[in-house]
N, C-alpha and C. Protein backbone atom coordinates (compact mmCIF):
# COMPACT_ATOMS: atom_id res chain seq x y z
N MET A 1 2.17 -14.70 -2.65
CA MET A 1 2.19 -14.36 -4.05
C MET A 1 2.66 -12.91 -4.18
N VAL A 2 3.57 -12.68 -5.05
CA VAL A 2 4.05 -11.33 -5.36
C VAL A 2 3.25 -10.83 -6.55
N ARG A 3 2.72 -9.61 -6.40
CA ARG A 3 1.88 -9.05 -7.47
C ARG A 3 1.95 -7.53 -7.43
N GLU A 4 1.41 -6.92 -8.46
CA GLU A 4 1.33 -5.46 -8.49
C GLU A 4 0.10 -5.00 -7.69
N ALA A 5 0.26 -3.92 -6.96
CA ALA A 5 -0.84 -3.38 -6.16
C ALA A 5 -1.96 -2.90 -7.06
N VAL A 6 -3.17 -2.98 -6.52
CA VAL A 6 -4.36 -2.47 -7.20
C VAL A 6 -5.01 -1.41 -6.32
N LYS A 7 -5.97 -0.71 -6.88
CA LYS A 7 -6.62 0.41 -6.20
C LYS A 7 -7.14 0.02 -4.81
N GLU A 8 -7.67 -1.17 -4.67
CA GLU A 8 -8.27 -1.62 -3.41
C GLU A 8 -7.24 -1.91 -2.32
N ASP A 9 -5.97 -1.87 -2.62
CA ASP A 9 -4.91 -2.17 -1.65
C ASP A 9 -4.52 -0.98 -0.78
N LEU A 10 -5.11 0.17 -0.99
CA LEU A 10 -4.67 1.38 -0.28
C LEU A 10 -4.64 1.20 1.23
N TYR A 11 -5.70 0.71 1.85
CA TYR A 11 -5.74 0.62 3.31
C TYR A 11 -4.64 -0.30 3.84
N GLU A 12 -4.44 -1.44 3.18
CA GLU A 12 -3.39 -2.35 3.64
C GLU A 12 -2.00 -1.74 3.45
N LEU A 13 -1.80 -0.98 2.38
CA LEU A 13 -0.52 -0.31 2.18
C LEU A 13 -0.30 0.79 3.22
N LEU A 14 -1.37 1.46 3.62
CA LEU A 14 -1.24 2.47 4.67
C LEU A 14 -0.85 1.83 6.00
N ASN A 15 -1.37 0.64 6.27
CA ASN A 15 -0.97 -0.08 7.48
C ASN A 15 0.50 -0.48 7.42
N LEU A 16 0.97 -0.87 6.25
CA LEU A 16 2.39 -1.18 6.08
C LEU A 16 3.23 0.09 6.29
N TYR A 17 2.77 1.19 5.74
CA TYR A 17 3.44 2.48 5.92
C TYR A 17 3.54 2.81 7.41
N LEU A 18 2.46 2.58 8.13
CA LEU A 18 2.44 2.81 9.57
C LEU A 18 3.49 1.94 10.27
N PHE A 19 3.57 0.69 9.89
CA PHE A 19 4.53 -0.24 10.48
C PHE A 19 5.97 0.21 10.23
N LEU A 20 6.23 0.73 9.05
CA LEU A 20 7.60 1.07 8.66
C LEU A 20 8.04 2.48 9.06
N HIS A 21 7.11 3.44 9.10
CA HIS A 21 7.54 4.83 9.19
C HIS A 21 6.88 5.69 10.26
N GLU A 22 5.63 5.56 10.45
CA GLU A 22 4.88 6.59 11.17
C GLU A 22 4.19 6.05 12.42
N LYS A 23 3.56 6.97 13.14
CA LYS A 23 2.79 6.62 14.33
C LYS A 23 1.30 6.55 14.02
N ASP A 24 0.87 7.26 12.98
CA ASP A 24 -0.53 7.31 12.60
C ASP A 24 -0.67 7.14 11.10
N ILE A 25 -1.77 6.52 10.71
CA ILE A 25 -2.11 6.45 9.29
C ILE A 25 -2.62 7.83 8.88
N PRO A 26 -2.19 8.33 7.72
CA PRO A 26 -2.68 9.64 7.27
C PRO A 26 -4.21 9.66 7.20
N GLU A 27 -4.78 10.81 7.48
CA GLU A 27 -6.23 10.97 7.45
C GLU A 27 -6.76 10.67 6.05
N ASN A 28 -7.86 9.91 6.01
CA ASN A 28 -8.48 9.58 4.74
C ASN A 28 -9.16 10.83 4.21
N SER A 29 -8.58 11.41 3.19
CA SER A 29 -9.10 12.66 2.63
C SER A 29 -9.23 12.52 1.12
N SER A 30 -9.91 13.48 0.53
CA SER A 30 -10.02 13.46 -0.93
C SER A 30 -8.65 13.64 -1.57
N ARG A 31 -7.77 14.41 -0.91
CA ARG A 31 -6.42 14.60 -1.45
C ARG A 31 -5.67 13.27 -1.49
N MET A 32 -5.77 12.50 -0.39
CA MET A 32 -5.10 11.21 -0.37
C MET A 32 -5.68 10.29 -1.44
N GLY A 33 -7.00 10.28 -1.56
CA GLY A 33 -7.64 9.46 -2.58
C GLY A 33 -7.23 9.86 -3.98
N ASN A 34 -7.16 11.15 -4.23
CA ASN A 34 -6.74 11.63 -5.55
C ASN A 34 -5.29 11.27 -5.83
N THR A 35 -4.44 11.41 -4.82
CA THR A 35 -3.02 11.05 -4.98
C THR A 35 -2.89 9.56 -5.28
N TRP A 36 -3.61 8.73 -4.53
CA TRP A 36 -3.56 7.28 -4.74
C TRP A 36 -4.04 6.94 -6.15
N ASN A 37 -5.14 7.53 -6.58
CA ASN A 37 -5.65 7.27 -7.93
C ASN A 37 -4.63 7.67 -8.99
N THR A 38 -3.97 8.79 -8.80
CA THR A 38 -2.95 9.24 -9.75
C THR A 38 -1.81 8.23 -9.84
N ILE A 39 -1.36 7.75 -8.68
CA ILE A 39 -0.26 6.79 -8.65
C ILE A 39 -0.67 5.47 -9.29
N ILE A 40 -1.80 4.94 -8.88
CA ILE A 40 -2.21 3.60 -9.31
C ILE A 40 -2.57 3.57 -10.80
N GLU A 41 -3.01 4.71 -11.35
CA GLU A 41 -3.38 4.77 -12.76
C GLU A 41 -2.21 5.15 -13.67
N ASP A 42 -1.08 5.54 -13.09
CA ASP A 42 0.09 5.95 -13.87
C ASP A 42 0.87 4.71 -14.31
N GLU A 43 1.00 4.53 -15.61
CA GLU A 43 1.71 3.36 -16.14
C GLU A 43 3.19 3.34 -15.78
N LYS A 44 3.73 4.46 -15.31
CA LYS A 44 5.15 4.52 -14.95
C LYS A 44 5.39 4.18 -13.48
N HIS A 45 4.33 4.07 -12.69
CA HIS A 45 4.45 3.69 -11.28
C HIS A 45 4.04 2.23 -11.12
N HIS A 46 4.83 1.48 -10.38
CA HIS A 46 4.52 0.08 -10.11
C HIS A 46 4.81 -0.20 -8.65
N ILE A 47 3.80 -0.55 -7.90
CA ILE A 47 3.95 -0.90 -6.50
C ILE A 47 3.78 -2.41 -6.40
N ILE A 48 4.82 -3.07 -5.93
CA ILE A 48 4.81 -4.52 -5.83
C ILE A 48 4.55 -4.91 -4.38
N VAL A 49 3.63 -5.84 -4.18
CA VAL A 49 3.27 -6.27 -2.83
C VAL A 49 3.43 -7.78 -2.70
N ASN A 50 3.55 -8.21 -1.46
CA ASN A 50 3.60 -9.63 -1.14
C ASN A 50 2.28 -9.98 -0.46
N GLU A 51 1.50 -10.83 -1.11
CA GLU A 51 0.19 -11.20 -0.58
C GLU A 51 0.27 -12.62 -0.02
N ILE A 52 -0.17 -12.76 1.23
CA ILE A 52 -0.21 -14.07 1.89
C ILE A 52 -1.62 -14.27 2.42
N ASN A 53 -2.26 -15.34 1.99
CA ASN A 53 -3.63 -15.64 2.42
C ASN A 53 -4.57 -14.47 2.19
N GLY A 54 -4.43 -13.80 1.06
CA GLY A 54 -5.32 -12.72 0.68
C GLY A 54 -5.03 -11.38 1.32
N LYS A 55 -3.93 -11.26 2.08
CA LYS A 55 -3.59 -10.00 2.73
C LYS A 55 -2.17 -9.60 2.37
N ILE A 56 -1.95 -8.30 2.24
CA ILE A 56 -0.60 -7.79 2.01
C ILE A 56 0.14 -7.90 3.33
N GLU A 57 1.27 -8.57 3.30
CA GLU A 57 2.00 -8.80 4.54
C GLU A 57 3.49 -8.56 4.36
N ILE A 58 4.12 -8.35 5.48
CA ILE A 58 5.56 -8.24 5.53
C ILE A 58 6.01 -9.19 6.63
N ARG A 59 7.02 -9.94 6.36
CA ARG A 59 7.53 -10.89 7.35
C ARG A 59 8.58 -10.20 8.20
N GLY A 60 8.45 -10.31 9.50
CA GLY A 60 9.39 -9.68 10.41
C GLY A 60 10.80 -10.18 10.26
N ASP A 61 10.98 -11.44 9.85
CA ASP A 61 12.33 -11.98 9.71
C ASP A 61 12.99 -11.55 8.41
N ASP A 62 12.30 -10.76 7.60
CA ASP A 62 12.88 -10.23 6.37
C ASP A 62 13.76 -9.01 6.64
N PHE A 63 13.75 -8.49 7.87
CA PHE A 63 14.50 -7.27 8.20
C PHE A 63 15.66 -7.58 9.08
């Protein structure tokens, strides 16, 4: 199911970020939490995710 991300999706999105870009997930800090809240509450930002069996996933054959 394709849907818009919600506040509770942060950890799964960080894992996707790790898969795509980095070696480590950024440290869970108040700054990260505040940034995430700002993004998720902003009506001009829309993060679209692909949810499969209740988890945000990316298919390897999509790349």
